[in-house]
Amino acid sequence: MNVTSKMFWTFLSFLAFLLFITAIYTKLYWLNIFVIVLGLLVNKQGMSILFPKKYLEKKNIASEK
């Protein structure tokens, strides 16, 4: 999988969600450290790939303010 592909970032976000659900059900709350790291990674690196139009509009509105 290529890091610039939408499928990669979608997989990573579902992986974070599944790890979160697993941590809740198994009460392994330390597993949420990995969930937080994956979530931040998707937020910072993958948002422009997953939501290109919406991300650019939001960024332009923020820069105008």
PDB file of N, CA and C in Angstrom:
ATOM      1  N   MET A   1       0.833  -1.190   0.000  1.00  0.00           N
ATOM      2  CA  MET A   1       0.000   0.000   0.000  1.00  0.00           C
ATOM      3  C   MET A   1       0.872   1.245   0.000  1.00  0.00           C
ATOM      4  N   ASN A   2       0.451   2.198  -0.768  1.00  0.00           N
ATOM      5  CA  ASN A   2       1.163   3.456  -0.865  1.00  0.00           C
ATOM      6  C   ASN A   2       0.643   4.427   0.201  1.00  0.00           C
ATOM      7  N   VAL A   3       1.549   5.177   0.816  1.00  0.00           N
ATOM      8  CA  VAL A   3       1.180   6.095   1.897  1.00  0.00           C
ATOM      9  C   VAL A   3       0.274   7.216   1.380  1.00  0.00           C
ATOM     10  N   THR A   4       0.341   7.505   0.101  1.00  0.00           N
ATOM     11  CA  THR A   4      -0.493   8.567  -0.451  1.00  0.00           C
ATOM     12  C   THR A   4      -1.841   8.057  -0.939  1.00  0.00           C
ATOM     13  N   SER A   5      -2.136   6.785  -0.731  1.00  0.00           N
ATOM     14  CA  SER A   5      -3.412   6.255  -1.224  1.00  0.00           C
ATOM     15  C   SER A   5      -4.504   6.414  -0.178  1.00  0.00           C
ATOM     16  N   LYS A   6      -5.706   6.596  -0.673  1.00  0.00           N
ATOM     17  CA  LYS A   6      -6.866   6.766   0.191  1.00  0.00           C
ATOM     18  C   LYS A   6      -7.158   5.470   0.950  1.00  0.00           C
ATOM     19  N   MET A   7      -6.906   4.321   0.308  1.00  0.00           N
ATOM     20  CA  MET A   7      -7.164   3.033   0.930  1.00  0.00           C
ATOM     21  C   MET A   7      -6.266   2.823   2.162  1.00  0.00           C
ATOM     22  N   PHE A   8      -5.036   3.267   2.099  1.00  0.00           N
ATOM     23  CA  PHE A   8      -4.111   3.142   3.227  1.00  0.00           C
ATOM     24  C   PHE A   8      -4.617   3.916   4.438  1.00  0.00           C
ATOM     25  N   TRP A   9      -5.024   5.167   4.223  1.00  0.00           N
ATOM     26  CA  TRP A   9      -5.482   6.003   5.338  1.00  0.00           C
ATOM     27  C   TRP A   9      -6.825   5.541   5.869  1.00  0.00           C
ATOM     28  N   THR A  10      -7.668   5.007   5.003  1.00  0.00           N
ATOM     29  CA  THR A  10      -8.937   4.437   5.455  1.00  0.00           C
ATOM     30  C   THR A  10      -8.677   3.212   6.324  1.00  0.00           C
ATOM     31  N   PHE A  11      -7.774   2.364   5.883  1.00  0.00           N
ATOM     32  CA  PHE A  11      -7.406   1.185   6.664  1.00  0.00           C
ATOM     33  C   PHE A  11      -6.843   1.584   8.025  1.00  0.00           C
ATOM     34  N   LEU A  12      -5.989   2.592   8.041  1.00  0.00           N
ATOM     35  CA  LEU A  12      -5.388   3.044   9.298  1.00  0.00           C
ATOM     36  C   LEU A  12      -6.432   3.604  10.252  1.00  0.00           C
ATOM     37  N   SER A  13      -7.430   4.325   9.723  1.00  0.00           N
ATOM     38  CA  SER A  13      -8.462   4.842  10.623  1.00  0.00           C
ATOM     39  C   SER A  13      -9.360   3.733  11.148  1.00  0.00           C
ATOM     40  N   PHE A  14      -9.676   2.744  10.330  1.00  0.00           N
ATOM     41  CA  PHE A  14     -10.455   1.608  10.835  1.00  0.00           C
ATOM     42  C   PHE A  14      -9.651   0.786  11.840  1.00  0.00           C
ATOM     43  N   LEU A  15      -8.360   0.674  11.625  1.00  0.00           N
ATOM     44  CA  LEU A  15      -7.506  -0.031  12.575  1.00  0.00           C
ATOM     45  C   LEU A  15      -7.511   0.675  13.924  1.00  0.00           C
ATOM     46  N   ALA A  16      -7.431   1.994  13.905  1.00  0.00           N
ATOM     47  CA  ALA A  16      -7.486   2.759  15.154  1.00  0.00           C
ATOM     48  C   ALA A  16      -8.816   2.543  15.858  1.00  0.00           C
ATOM     49  N   PHE A  17      -9.904   2.537  15.102  1.00  0.00           N
ATOM     50  CA  PHE A  17     -11.228   2.320  15.682  1.00  0.00           C
ATOM     51  C   PHE A  17     -11.341   0.922  16.280  1.00  0.00           C
ATOM     52  N   LEU A  18     -10.864  -0.079  15.562  1.00  0.00           N
ATOM     53  CA  LEU A  18     -10.926  -1.452  16.073  1.00  0.00           C
ATOM     54  C   LEU A  18     -10.057  -1.637  17.311  1.00  0.00           C
ATOM     55  N   LEU A  19      -8.902  -1.003  17.339  1.00  0.00           N
ATOM     56  CA  LEU A  19      -8.059  -1.065  18.533  1.00  0.00           C
ATOM     57  C   LEU A  19      -8.741  -0.394  19.721  1.00  0.00           C
ATOM     58  N   PHE A  20      -9.441   0.692  19.468  1.00  0.00           N
ATOM     59  CA  PHE A  20     -10.170   1.388  20.534  1.00  0.00           C
ATOM     60  C   PHE A  20     -11.273   0.494  21.103  1.00  0.00           C
ATOM     61  N   ILE A  21     -12.056  -0.127  20.225  1.00  0.00           N
ATOM     62  CA  ILE A  21     -13.123  -1.020  20.665  1.00  0.00           C
ATOM     63  C   ILE A  21     -12.543  -2.209  21.425  1.00  0.00           C
ATOM     64  N   THR A  22     -11.442  -2.752  20.936  1.00  0.00           N
ATOM     65  CA  THR A  22     -10.783  -3.870  21.614  1.00  0.00           C
ATOM     66  C   THR A  22     -10.299  -3.459  22.997  1.00  0.00           C
ATOM     67  N   ALA A  23      -9.733  -2.276  23.102  1.00  0.00           N
ATOM     68  CA  ALA A  23      -9.238  -1.800  24.396  1.00  0.00           C
ATOM     69  C   ALA A  23     -10.373  -1.617  25.392  1.00  0.00           C
ATOM     70  N   ILE A  24     -11.512  -1.156  24.918  1.00  0.00           N
ATOM     71  CA  ILE A  24     -12.657  -0.957  25.805  1.00  0.00           C
ATOM     72  C   ILE A  24     -13.193  -2.300  26.299  1.00  0.00           C
ATOM     73  N   TYR A  25     -13.394  -3.240  25.373  1.00  0.00           N
ATOM     74  CA  TYR A  25     -13.977  -4.526  25.757  1.00  0.00           C
ATOM     75  C   TYR A  25     -13.044  -5.381  26.608  1.00  0.00           C
ATOM     76  N   THR A  26     -11.742  -5.313  26.335  1.00  0.00           N
ATOM     77  CA  THR A  26     -10.793  -6.141  27.085  1.00  0.00           C
ATOM     78  C   THR A  26     -10.237  -5.422  28.299  1.00  0.00           C
ATOM     79  N   LYS A  27     -10.584  -4.151  28.459  1.00  0.00           N
ATOM     80  CA  LYS A  27     -10.098  -3.315  29.562  1.00  0.00           C
ATOM     81  C   LYS A  27      -8.573  -3.186  29.575  1.00  0.00           C
ATOM     82  N   LEU A  28      -7.991  -3.230  28.382  1.00  0.00           N
ATOM     83  CA  LEU A  28      -6.563  -2.971  28.213  1.00  0.00           C
ATOM     84  C   LEU A  28      -6.403  -1.509  27.789  1.00  0.00           C
ATOM     85  N   TYR A  29      -6.528  -0.635  28.753  1.00  0.00           N
ATOM     86  CA  TYR A  29      -6.573   0.787  28.444  1.00  0.00           C
ATOM     87  C   TYR A  29      -5.227   1.335  27.960  1.00  0.00           C
ATOM     88  N   TRP A  30      -4.140   0.640  28.230  1.00  0.00           N
ATOM     89  CA  TRP A  30      -2.843   1.074  27.720  1.00  0.00           C
ATOM     90  C   TRP A  30      -2.805   0.979  26.196  1.00  0.00           C
ATOM     91  N   LEU A  31      -3.684   0.166  25.623  1.00  0.00           N
ATOM     92  CA  LEU A  31      -3.754   0.029  24.171  1.00  0.00           C
ATOM     93  C   LEU A  31      -4.215   1.334  23.519  1.00  0.00           C
ATOM     94  N   ASN A  32      -4.879   2.171  24.298  1.00  0.00           N
ATOM     95  CA  ASN A  32      -5.343   3.454  23.755  1.00  0.00           C
ATOM     96  C   ASN A  32      -4.198   4.394  23.408  1.00  0.00           C
ATOM     97  N   ILE A  33      -3.014   4.128  23.920  1.00  0.00           N
ATOM     98  CA  ILE A  33      -1.838   4.916  23.518  1.00  0.00           C
ATOM     99  C   ILE A  33      -1.619   4.775  22.019  1.00  0.00           C
ATOM    100  N   PHE A  34      -1.732   3.541  21.522  1.00  0.00           N
ATOM    101  CA  PHE A  34      -1.572   3.313  20.083  1.00  0.00           C
ATOM    102  C   PHE A  34      -2.723   3.931  19.296  1.00  0.00           C
ATOM    103  N   VAL A  35      -3.905   3.907  19.874  1.00  0.00           N
ATOM    104  CA  VAL A  35      -5.064   4.510  19.218  1.00  0.00           C
ATOM    105  C   VAL A  35      -4.859   6.018  19.083  1.00  0.00           C
ATOM    106  N   ILE A  36      -4.355   6.647  20.125  1.00  0.00           N
ATOM    107  CA  ILE A  36      -4.110   8.094  20.086  1.00  0.00           C
ATOM    108  C   ILE A  36      -3.057   8.421  19.043  1.00  0.00           C
ATOM    109  N   VAL A  37      -1.990   7.649  18.995  1.00  0.00           N
ATOM    110  CA  VAL A  37      -0.926   7.881  18.012  1.00  0.00           C
ATOM    111  C   VAL A  37      -1.458   7.703  16.593  1.00  0.00           C
ATOM    112  N   LEU A  38      -2.219   6.630  16.359  1.00  0.00           N
ATOM    113  CA  LEU A  38      -2.785   6.414  15.030  1.00  0.00           C
ATOM    114  C   LEU A  38      -3.776   7.518  14.660  1.00  0.00           C
ATOM    115  N   GLY A  39      -4.580   7.931  15.620  1.00  0.00           N
ATOM    116  CA  GLY A  39      -5.539   9.002  15.358  1.00  0.00           C
ATOM    117  C   GLY A  39      -4.856  10.315  15.006  1.00  0.00           C
ATOM    118  N   LEU A  40      -3.811  10.653  15.728  1.00  0.00           N
ATOM    119  CA  LEU A  40      -3.070  11.879  15.415  1.00  0.00           C
ATOM    120  C   LEU A  40      -2.382  11.790  14.059  1.00  0.00           C
ATOM    121  N   LEU A  41      -1.864  10.609  13.745  1.00  0.00           N
ATOM    122  CA  LEU A  41      -1.216  10.405  12.454  1.00  0.00           C
ATOM    123  C   LEU A  41      -2.219  10.573  11.315  1.00  0.00           C
ATOM    124  N   VAL A  42      -3.381   9.987  11.460  1.00  0.00           N
ATOM    125  CA  VAL A  42      -4.422  10.133  10.428  1.00  0.00           C
ATOM    126  C   VAL A  42      -4.871  11.583  10.342  1.00  0.00           C
ATOM    127  N   ASN A  43      -5.007  12.240  11.474  1.00  0.00           N
ATOM    128  CA  ASN A  43      -5.454  13.628  11.476  1.00  0.00           C
ATOM    129  C   ASN A  43      -4.445  14.544  10.794  1.00  0.00           C
ATOM    130  N   LYS A  44      -3.193  14.395  11.095  1.00  0.00           N
ATOM    131  CA  LYS A  44      -2.175  15.300  10.561  1.00  0.00           C
ATOM    132  C   LYS A  44      -1.780  14.968   9.125  1.00  0.00           C
ATOM    133  N   GLN A  45      -1.628  13.699   8.807  1.00  0.00           N
ATOM    134  CA  GLN A  45      -1.102  13.307   7.499  1.00  0.00           C
ATOM    135  C   GLN A  45      -2.175  12.865   6.506  1.00  0.00           C
ATOM    136  N   GLY A  46      -3.235  12.241   6.999  1.00  0.00           N
ATOM    137  CA  GLY A  46      -4.179  11.621   6.084  1.00  0.00           C
ATOM    138  C   GLY A  46      -5.428  12.408   5.779  1.00  0.00           C
ATOM    139  N   MET A  47      -5.709  13.459   6.523  1.00  0.00           N
ATOM    140  CA  MET A  47      -6.956  14.194   6.305  1.00  0.00           C
ATOM    141  C   MET A  47      -7.016  14.825   4.920  1.00  0.00           C
ATOM    142  N   SER A  48      -5.916  15.349   4.440  1.00  0.00           N
ATOM    143  CA  SER A  48      -5.929  15.977   3.115  1.00  0.00           C
ATOM    144  C   SER A  48      -6.123  14.945   2.011  1.00  0.00           C
ATOM    145  N   ILE A  49      -5.783  13.692   2.271  1.00  0.00           N
ATOM    146  CA  ILE A  49      -5.971  12.633   1.284  1.00  0.00           C
ATOM    147  C   ILE A  49      -7.384  12.067   1.377  1.00  0.00           C
ATOM    148  N   LEU A  50      -7.882  11.901   2.597  1.00  0.00           N
ATOM    149  CA  LEU A  50      -9.214  11.339   2.775  1.00  0.00           C
ATOM    150  C   LEU A  50     -10.321  12.318   2.388  1.00  0.00           C
ATOM    151  N   PHE A  51     -10.135  13.585   2.712  1.00  0.00           N
ATOM    152  CA  PHE A  51     -11.142  14.613   2.446  1.00  0.00           C
ATOM    153  C   PHE A  51     -10.489  15.821   1.779  1.00  0.00           C
ATOM    154  N   PRO A  52     -10.086  15.706   0.533  1.00  0.00           N
ATOM    155  CA  PRO A  52      -9.295  16.779  -0.077  1.00  0.00           C
ATOM    156  C   PRO A  52     -10.045  18.106  -0.219  1.00  0.00           C
ATOM    157  N   LYS A  53     -11.270  18.105  -0.701  1.00  0.00           N
ATOM    158  CA  LYS A  53     -11.983  19.360  -0.925  1.00  0.00           C
ATOM    159  C   LYS A  53     -12.353  20.033   0.391  1.00  0.00           C
ATOM    160  N   LYS A  54     -12.910  19.268   1.294  1.00  0.00           N
ATOM    161  CA  LYS A  54     -13.346  19.813   2.573  1.00  0.00           C
ATOM    162  C   LYS A  54     -12.138  20.318   3.379  1.00  0.00           C
ATOM    163  N   TYR A  55     -11.036  19.577   3.326  1.00  0.00           N
ATOM    164  CA  TYR A  55      -9.837  19.966   4.056  1.00  0.00           C
ATOM    165  C   TYR A  55      -9.301  21.289   3.538  1.00  0.00           C
ATOM    166  N   LEU A  56      -9.258  21.441   2.230  1.00  0.00           N
ATOM    167  CA  LEU A  56      -8.733  22.686   1.656  1.00  0.00           C
ATOM    168  C   LEU A  56      -9.643  23.869   1.960  1.00  0.00           C
ATOM    169  N   GLU A  57     -10.962  23.653   1.919  1.00  0.00           N
ATOM    170  CA  GLU A  57     -11.888  24.742   2.250  1.00  0.00           C
ATOM    171  C   GLU A  57     -11.709  25.178   3.700  1.00  0.00           C
ATOM    172  N   LYS A  58     -11.588  24.215   4.585  1.00  0.00           N
ATOM    173  CA  LYS A  58     -11.419  24.519   6.004  1.00  0.00           C
ATOM    174  C   LYS A  58     -10.103  25.258   6.242  1.00  0.00           C
ATOM    175  N   LYS A  59      -9.072  24.822   5.566  1.00  0.00           N
ATOM    176  CA  LYS A  59      -7.765  25.454   5.716  1.00  0.00           C
ATOM    177  C   LYS A  59      -7.778  26.890   5.194  1.00  0.00           C
ATOM    178  N   ASN A  60      -8.458  27.106   4.084  1.00  0.00           N
ATOM    179  CA  ASN A  60      -8.549  28.465   3.524  1.00  0.00           C
ATOM    180  C   ASN A  60      -9.355  29.393   4.427  1.00  0.00           C
ATOM    181  N   ILE A  61     -10.439  28.881   5.001  1.00  0.00           N
ATOM    182  CA  ILE A  61     -11.247  29.699   5.912  1.00  0.00           C
ATOM    183  C   ILE A  61     -10.437  30.049   7.152  1.00  0.00           C
ATOM    184  N   ALA A  62      -9.686  29.103   7.677  1.00  0.00           N
ATOM    185  CA  ALA A  62      -8.863  29.364   8.850  1.00  0.00           C
ATOM    186  C   ALA A  62      -7.757  30.367   8.551  1.00  0.00           C
ATOM    187  N   SER A  63      -7.185  30.297   7.366  1.00  0.00           N
ATOM    188  CA  SER A  63      -6.107  31.233   7.040  1.00  0.00           C
ATOM    189  C   SER A  63      -6.634  32.646   6.783  1.00  0.00           C
ATOM    190  N   GLU A  64      -7.887  32.760   6.336  1.00  0.00           N
ATOM    191  CA  GLU A  64      -8.485  34.077   6.126  1.00  0.00           C
ATOM    192  C   GLU A  64      -8.765  34.795   7.443  1.00  0.00           C
ATOM    193  N   LYS A  65      -9.102  34.017   8.453  1.00  0.00           N
ATOM    194  CA  LYS A  65      -9.391  34.618   9.762  1.00  0.00           C
ATOM    195  C   LYS A  65      -8.095  34.991  10.393  1.00  0.00           C
TER     196      LYS A  65
END
